[in-house]
Structure formats: C-alpha cells, structure tokens
Amino acid sequence: MPENLKKIIEHAWEDRSALDQDEIRVAIRRVIELLDKGELRVAEP
C-alpha cells in the first residue's frame, strides 16, 4: 500500500470521527479499489 494511504487509513482507524473527512473517504475507496484489482493483499508476514 502506498505509504500515504497507509497513514491516512491508520489515522482513521485511531480516530473514527475522522471518517467524515473527504480525504479519508477517498483513501478508503482507493484502497478498496486496489484490493478489488488484486494490486493489494490483506496479509501480514
């Protein structure tokens, strides 16, 4: 995951009230899009 998306998602996870911010919503949609395309995977080594 691009580092900027990771930071935005982690911030939203810690502060759920931030979910109303457009930047957070765009980042969430982008991550979902990348997951759907198979460009990101959900796993930890």
C-alpha atoms as a PDB file:
ATOM      1  CA  MET A   1       0.000   0.000   0.000  1.00  0.00           C
ATOM      2  CA  PRO A   2       1.375   3.395  -0.810  1.00  0.00           C
ATOM      3  CA  GLU A   3       2.697   4.953   2.396  1.00  0.00           C
ATOM      4  CA  ASN A   4       0.381   7.978   2.272  1.00  0.00           C
ATOM      5  CA  LEU A   5      -2.712   5.754   2.038  1.00  0.00           C
ATOM      6  CA  LYS A   6      -1.433   3.649   4.911  1.00  0.00           C
ATOM      7  CA  LYS A   7      -1.001   6.700   7.142  1.00  0.00           C
ATOM      8  CA  ILE A   8      -4.467   8.023   6.284  1.00  0.00           C
ATOM      9  CA  ILE A   9      -6.135   4.662   6.968  1.00  0.00           C
ATOM     10  CA  GLU A  10      -4.251   4.206  10.241  1.00  0.00           C
ATOM     11  CA  HIS A  11      -5.276   7.711  11.345  1.00  0.00           C
ATOM     12  CA  ALA A  12      -8.919   6.943  10.554  1.00  0.00           C
ATOM     13  CA  TRP A  13      -8.682   3.667  12.487  1.00  0.00           C
ATOM     14  CA  GLU A  14      -7.403   5.509  15.572  1.00  0.00           C
ATOM     15  CA  ASP A  15      -9.826   8.448  15.275  1.00  0.00           C
ATOM     16  CA  ARG A  16     -13.170   7.230  13.956  1.00  0.00           C
ATOM     17  CA  SER A  17     -14.587  10.765  13.981  1.00  0.00           C
ATOM     18  CA  ALA A  18     -12.211  11.491  11.076  1.00  0.00           C
ATOM     19  CA  LEU A  19     -14.307   9.259   8.808  1.00  0.00           C
ATOM     20  CA  ASP A  20     -16.330  12.326   7.850  1.00  0.00           C
ATOM     21  CA  GLN A  21     -13.316  13.903   6.150  1.00  0.00           C
ATOM     22  CA  ASP A  22     -13.266  13.728   2.358  1.00  0.00           C
ATOM     23  CA  GLU A  23      -9.561  12.809   2.289  1.00  0.00           C
ATOM     24  CA  ILE A  24     -10.248   9.736   4.429  1.00  0.00           C
ATOM     25  CA  ARG A  25     -13.210   8.631   2.322  1.00  0.00           C
ATOM     26  CA  VAL A  26     -11.180   8.969  -0.880  1.00  0.00           C
ATOM     27  CA  ALA A  27      -8.335   6.943   0.650  1.00  0.00           C
ATOM     28  CA  ILE A  28     -10.720   4.185   1.764  1.00  0.00           C
ATOM     29  CA  ARG A  29     -12.275   3.984  -1.697  1.00  0.00           C
ATOM     30  CA  ARG A  30      -8.802   3.860  -3.287  1.00  0.00           C
ATOM     31  CA  VAL A  31      -7.686   1.021  -1.020  1.00  0.00           C
ATOM     32  CA  ILE A  32     -10.855  -0.940  -1.784  1.00  0.00           C
ATOM     33  CA  GLU A  33     -10.271  -0.367  -5.497  1.00  0.00           C
ATOM     34  CA  LEU A  34      -6.679  -1.636  -5.221  1.00  0.00           C
ATOM     35  CA  LEU A  35      -7.856  -4.688  -3.272  1.00  0.00           C
ATOM     36  CA  ASP A  36     -10.519  -5.437  -5.897  1.00  0.00           C
ATOM     37  CA  LYS A  37      -7.916  -5.243  -8.666  1.00  0.00           C
ATOM     38  CA  GLY A  38      -5.587  -7.564  -6.775  1.00  0.00           C
ATOM     39  CA  GLU A  39      -2.930  -4.868  -6.521  1.00  0.00           C
ATOM     40  CA  LEU A  40      -3.094  -5.025  -2.704  1.00  0.00           C
ATOM     41  CA  ARG A  41      -3.471  -8.046  -0.484  1.00  0.00           C
ATOM     42  CA  VAL A  42      -4.653  -8.343   3.086  1.00  0.00           C
ATOM     43  CA  ALA A  43      -1.960 -10.308   4.886  1.00  0.00           C
ATOM     44  CA  GLU A  44       0.923  -9.880   7.251  1.00  0.00           C
ATOM     45  CA  PRO A  45       4.100 -11.950   7.101  1.00  0.00           C
END
